Amino acid sequence: MTFSLRRSIINMAKIKIDALEVKLMEGYITVLQAAEKWKVTPRQVQLWCKTEKIRGAQKWGRDWTIPEDAERPKARKRKPESRGN
């Protein structure tokens, strides 16, 4: 097998893998896209995913995928600080 033939086969395999990844990602957005959409940091979105506050979020390796129609989790209300003097 020549080098150029090997290279062609590898490139074809990469294209098929890229196409499969795109197909799998249909209907989902990334952490960065969700952060921009909800106007929060990517880290906050990751924490919401980890604590299962975003319904339908799935982890693929080290990355999270979030359904396009997922709603932003509600903000947690903080307890008022006590003024004990």
Protein backbone atom coordinates (compact mmCIF):
# COMPACT_ATOMS: atom_id res chain seq x y z
CA MET A 1 0.00 0.00 0.00
CA THR A 2 1.47 3.33 -1.02
CA PHE A 3 1.72 6.30 1.27
CA SER A 4 -0.78 8.37 -0.75
CA LEU A 5 -3.34 5.54 -0.72
CA ARG A 6 -2.94 5.16 3.04
CA ARG A 7 -3.35 8.90 3.45
CA SER A 8 -6.54 8.84 1.33
CA ILE A 9 -8.05 6.06 3.42
CA ILE A 10 -7.23 7.91 6.64
CA ASN A 11 -8.78 11.13 5.31
CA MET A 12 -11.94 9.27 4.25
CA ALA A 13 -12.20 7.71 7.71
CA LYS A 14 -11.83 11.15 9.33
CA ILE A 15 -14.59 12.56 7.15
CA LYS A 16 -16.92 9.71 8.12
CA ILE A 17 -16.13 10.18 11.81
CA ASP A 18 -16.73 13.95 11.54
CA ALA A 19 -20.05 13.33 9.78
CA LEU A 20 -21.07 10.86 12.50
CA GLU A 21 -20.22 13.37 15.23
CA VAL A 22 -22.30 16.04 13.51
CA LYS A 23 -25.21 13.59 13.20
CA LEU A 24 -24.95 12.69 16.90
CA MET A 25 -24.87 16.39 17.85
CA GLU A 26 -28.10 17.27 16.03
CA GLY A 27 -30.53 18.69 18.55
CA TYR A 28 -27.79 19.43 21.09
CA ILE A 29 -25.61 22.41 21.94
CA THR A 30 -22.23 22.70 23.63
CA VAL A 31 -21.45 24.15 27.04
CA LEU A 32 -20.09 27.31 25.38
CA GLN A 33 -23.24 27.76 23.31
CA ALA A 34 -25.45 27.28 26.39
CA ALA A 35 -23.34 29.76 28.37
CA GLU A 36 -23.75 32.39 25.66
CA LYS A 37 -27.48 31.68 25.36
CA TRP A 38 -28.08 31.96 29.12
CA LYS A 39 -25.50 34.72 29.76
CA VAL A 40 -23.52 32.76 32.36
CA THR A 41 -20.00 31.34 32.43
CA PRO A 42 -19.19 27.99 30.82
CA ARG A 43 -18.10 26.77 34.26
CA GLN A 44 -21.57 27.49 35.66
CA VAL A 45 -23.13 25.43 32.86
CA GLN A 46 -20.70 22.58 33.58
CA LEU A 47 -21.66 22.65 37.26
CA TRP A 48 -25.36 22.60 36.39
CA CYS A 49 -24.74 19.58 34.14
CA LYS A 50 -22.74 17.79 36.83
CA THR A 51 -25.43 18.37 39.46
CA GLU A 52 -28.16 17.26 37.00
CA LYS A 53 -29.92 20.64 36.99
CA ILE A 54 -30.09 20.66 33.19
CA ARG A 55 -32.57 18.01 32.08
CA GLY A 56 -31.21 15.79 29.29
CA ALA A 57 -27.57 16.88 29.53
CA GLN A 58 -25.19 14.03 28.67
CA LYS A 59 -21.47 13.63 29.12
CA TRP A 60 -19.46 12.43 26.10
CA GLY A 61 -15.93 11.75 27.26
CA ARG A 62 -15.00 15.00 28.97
CA ASP A 63 -17.56 17.16 27.16
CA TRP A 64 -21.21 17.83 27.93
CA THR A 65 -24.00 17.95 25.36
CA ILE A 66 -27.14 19.86 26.21
CA PRO A 67 -30.50 19.59 24.44
CA GLU A 68 -31.22 22.68 22.32
CA ASP A 69 -34.57 23.14 24.05
CA ALA A 70 -33.21 22.78 27.60
CA GLU A 71 -34.27 25.52 29.96
CA ARG A 72 -31.88 27.52 32.09
CA PRO A 73 -31.99 26.30 35.69
CA LYS A 74 -33.68 28.67 38.09
CA ALA A 75 -31.42 30.82 40.21
CA ARG A 76 -31.05 29.61 43.77
CA LYS A 77 -32.29 32.11 46.32
CA ARG A 78 -29.75 33.01 48.93
CA LYS A 79 -30.67 33.15 52.57
CA PRO A 80 -30.49 36.64 53.99
CA GLU A 81 -27.49 37.21 56.21
CA SER A 82 -28.31 37.48 59.89
CA ARG A 83 -27.52 40.78 61.56
CA GLY A 84 -26.69 39.52 64.99
CA ASN A 85 -24.98 42.37 66.83
